[in-house]
Amino acid sequence: MVQGLSYTNGHSIRVAKYTRIIAEKLGYKGEELERIYYVALLHDCGKIGVPDNILGKPDRLTDEEFEIIKSHTVRGGEIMSHFKSLENAGEGALYHHERYDGRGYPEGKAGEDIPYIARIICVADSYDAMNTNRVYRKKLSKEHTLEEIEKCKGKQFDPRIADVMISLIKNDELNADNAES
């Protein structure tokens, strides 16, 4: 399997598990918790339209390549909008790269205008990116990851969700391997 594709598969599973753990800490239960898990599991489904040579590129992306990567959110939102049995399924795919300060994509939504599920996935997705080896860098240390999440509170991340993530990391409660499937 192409390195980028195997990473994307494992990434989606880990992000879904982290998202469920965060959501549970935020008080979600039962069917709603399961819905959140499945929305997060499919958050990167739009990457199906991104060429493998871009997904697995070890060097800095060109502006054009970055625009192609960014398109996965809109493509994923469109794909997920057809899932009638999974309420608001497209929100996680479409908005998980929006930033709390409004500087994200695809629409530049900010704060409470970003759907809550997407704000949770954003933190889980970023944590997984920092906590795994990538083609272009080694994973960050626990301390560096905590610093990054703290630094990005109110900018990239919803502060409340970032605080939950920080607590989970500090208490070693984010082992995706041990999270329920």
Protein backbone atom coordinates (compact mmCIF):
# COMPACT_ATOMS: atom_id res chain seq x y z
CA MET A 1 0.00 0.00 0.00
CA VAL A 2 1.22 3.53 -0.77
CA GLN A 3 2.65 5.13 2.40
CA GLY A 4 0.20 8.07 2.30
CA LEU A 5 -2.78 5.75 1.98
CA SER A 6 -1.79 3.49 4.87
CA TYR A 7 -1.18 6.56 7.03
CA THR A 8 -4.58 8.03 6.06
CA ASN A 9 -6.39 4.81 7.01
CA GLY A 10 -4.74 4.56 10.44
CA HIS A 11 -5.13 8.30 10.91
CA SER A 12 -8.89 8.18 10.36
CA ILE A 13 -9.33 5.36 12.87
CA ARG A 14 -7.21 7.13 15.49
CA VAL A 15 -8.96 10.47 14.96
CA ALA A 16 -12.35 8.77 15.35
CA LYS A 17 -11.25 7.16 18.60
CA TYR A 18 -9.76 10.39 19.96
CA THR A 19 -12.89 12.29 18.94
CA ARG A 20 -15.08 9.79 20.78
CA ILE A 21 -12.91 10.05 23.92
CA ILE A 22 -13.10 13.86 23.84
CA ALA A 23 -16.85 13.82 23.19
CA GLU A 24 -17.39 11.43 26.08
CA LYS A 25 -15.46 13.82 28.38
CA LEU A 26 -17.73 16.59 27.09
CA GLY A 27 -20.78 14.61 28.23
CA TYR A 28 -21.94 12.83 25.08
CA LYS A 29 -23.35 9.32 25.52
CA GLY A 30 -24.97 6.42 23.72
CA GLU A 31 -26.13 6.81 20.14
CA GLU A 32 -24.90 10.41 19.91
CA LEU A 33 -21.40 9.27 20.92
CA GLU A 34 -21.50 6.58 18.24
CA ARG A 35 -22.71 9.09 15.61
CA ILE A 36 -19.80 11.36 16.52
CA TYR A 37 -17.39 8.43 16.16
CA TYR A 38 -18.63 7.57 12.65
CA VAL A 39 -18.64 11.20 11.47
CA ALA A 40 -15.02 11.49 12.66
CA LEU A 41 -14.07 8.15 11.09
CA LEU A 42 -15.10 9.53 7.70
CA HIS A 43 -13.74 13.07 8.17
CA ASP A 44 -11.03 12.65 5.49
CA CYS A 45 -13.09 10.72 2.95
CA GLY A 46 -12.59 13.58 0.48
CA LYS A 47 -8.92 12.61 0.21
CA ILE A 48 -10.08 9.88 -2.17
CA GLY A 49 -9.76 12.55 -4.86
CA VAL A 50 -6.24 13.66 -3.90
CA PRO A 51 -3.45 12.05 -5.94
CA ASP A 52 -1.18 9.65 -4.00
CA ASN A 53 1.95 11.57 -5.01
CA ILE A 54 0.59 14.63 -3.15
CA LEU A 55 -0.68 12.69 -0.10
CA GLY A 56 2.69 11.01 0.37
CA LYS A 57 4.96 13.86 -0.68
CA PRO A 58 7.90 14.16 1.73
CA ASP A 59 8.77 17.72 0.67
CA ARG A 60 6.96 21.01 1.12
CA LEU A 61 3.81 21.22 -0.98
CA THR A 62 3.57 23.79 -3.75
CA ASP A 63 0.73 26.32 -3.52
CA GLU A 64 -1.13 24.34 -6.20
CA GLU A 65 -0.67 21.04 -4.33
CA PHE A 66 -1.85 22.64 -1.09
CA GLU A 67 -5.00 23.87 -2.86
CA ILE A 68 -5.62 20.29 -4.04
CA ILE A 69 -5.16 18.99 -0.46
CA LYS A 70 -7.52 21.67 0.88
CA SER A 71 -10.21 20.57 -1.60
CA HIS A 72 -10.64 17.32 0.36
CA THR A 73 -12.87 19.14 2.85
CA VAL A 74 -15.40 20.28 0.25
CA ARG A 75 -15.27 16.93 -1.56
CA GLY A 76 -15.72 15.08 1.74
CA GLY A 77 -18.61 17.31 2.77
CA GLU A 78 -20.31 16.58 -0.53
CA ILE A 79 -19.77 12.82 -0.24
CA MET A 80 -21.00 12.78 3.36
CA SER A 81 -24.06 14.92 2.61
CA HIS A 82 -25.54 11.86 0.92
CA PHE A 83 -25.44 9.79 4.13
CA LYS A 84 -29.07 10.12 5.20
CA SER A 85 -28.77 7.68 8.13
CA LEU A 86 -25.93 9.71 9.74
CA GLU A 87 -27.32 13.09 10.81
CA ASN A 88 -25.19 16.10 9.79
CA ALA A 89 -22.53 13.71 8.51
CA GLY A 90 -20.95 16.24 6.18
CA GLU A 91 -20.14 18.76 8.92
CA GLY A 92 -17.10 16.86 10.18
CA ALA A 93 -15.60 16.42 6.73
CA LEU A 94 -16.40 19.92 5.49
CA TYR A 95 -15.39 21.99 8.51
CA HIS A 96 -12.63 20.11 10.38
CA HIS A 97 -9.98 22.50 9.01
CA GLU A 98 -11.81 25.64 10.05
CA ARG A 99 -10.02 27.56 12.80
CA TYR A 100 -11.57 29.07 15.90
CA ASP A 101 -10.07 32.45 14.89
CA GLY A 102 -11.66 32.28 11.41
CA ARG A 103 -8.42 31.74 9.50
CA GLY A 104 -9.17 28.15 8.39
CA TYR A 105 -10.76 26.68 5.31
CA PRO A 106 -12.91 26.10 3.27
CA GLU A 107 -15.22 28.95 4.40
CA GLY A 108 -13.32 30.86 7.08
CA LYS A 109 -15.94 30.13 9.74
CA ALA A 110 -15.02 31.19 13.28
CA GLY A 111 -15.85 30.31 16.88
CA GLU A 112 -19.37 29.06 17.52
CA ASP A 113 -20.19 29.25 13.79
CA ILE A 114 -18.09 26.13 13.28
CA PRO A 115 -20.20 23.03 14.00
CA TYR A 116 -19.25 21.52 17.36
CA ILE A 117 -18.41 18.11 15.86
CA ALA A 118 -15.92 19.78 13.49
CA ARG A 119 -14.30 21.67 16.39
CA ILE A 120 -13.80 18.38 18.24
CA ILE A 121 -12.43 16.63 15.14
CA CYS A 122 -10.07 19.57 14.53
CA VAL A 123 -8.37 19.04 17.89
CA ALA A 124 -8.31 15.23 17.54
CA ASP A 125 -6.99 15.48 13.97
CA SER A 126 -4.25 17.92 14.96
CA TYR A 127 -3.26 15.80 17.94
CA ASP A 128 -2.89 12.76 15.71
CA ALA A 129 -0.81 14.74 13.22
CA MET A 130 1.52 15.84 16.02
CA ASN A 131 1.61 12.43 17.72
CA THR A 132 2.57 10.32 14.69
CA ASN A 133 5.53 10.14 12.36
CA ARG A 134 4.81 11.86 9.05
CA VAL A 135 6.64 11.55 5.75
CA TYR A 136 8.15 14.99 6.37
CA ARG A 137 8.94 14.84 10.14
CA LYS A 138 9.07 12.68 13.26
CA LYS A 139 6.27 12.80 15.82
CA LEU A 140 6.46 15.52 18.45
CA SER A 141 7.23 14.84 22.09
CA LYS A 142 4.37 14.85 24.59
CA GLU A 143 5.68 18.15 25.99
CA HIS A 144 5.90 19.78 22.56
CA THR A 145 2.40 18.54 21.68
CA LEU A 146 1.01 20.03 24.90
CA GLU A 147 2.77 23.34 24.17
CA GLU A 148 1.33 23.44 20.64
CA ILE A 149 -2.24 22.77 21.79
CA GLU A 150 -1.91 25.37 24.55
CA LYS A 151 -0.47 27.91 22.08
CA CYS A 152 -3.31 27.29 19.61
CA LYS A 153 -6.18 27.65 22.12
CA GLY A 154 -8.52 30.34 20.87
CA LYS A 155 -6.65 30.48 17.56
CA GLN A 156 -6.88 27.10 15.84
CA PHE A 157 -8.82 25.34 18.59
CA ASP A 158 -11.97 25.92 20.60
CA PRO A 159 -10.49 26.70 24.05
CA ARG A 160 -12.87 24.37 25.93
CA ILE A 161 -12.10 21.41 23.65
CA ALA A 162 -8.36 22.20 23.78
CA ASP A 163 -8.52 22.15 27.59
CA VAL A 164 -10.18 18.72 27.50
CA MET A 165 -7.48 17.45 25.12
CA ILE A 166 -4.70 18.84 27.31
CA SER A 167 -6.18 17.09 30.34
CA LEU A 168 -6.50 13.81 28.44
CA ILE A 169 -2.87 13.98 27.28
CA LYS A 170 -1.54 14.90 30.71
CA ASN A 171 -3.47 12.02 32.30
CA ASP A 172 -2.46 9.51 29.57
CA GLU A 173 -6.10 8.86 28.68
CA LEU A 174 -5.72 9.04 24.90
CA ASN A 175 -4.39 5.62 23.99
CA ALA A 176 -6.36 5.00 20.79
CA ASP A 177 -5.37 1.33 20.86
CA ASN A 178 -7.31 0.86 24.09
CA ALA A 179 -10.32 2.96 23.10
CA GLU A 180 -13.50 1.02 22.40
CA SER A 181 -14.22 0.30 18.76
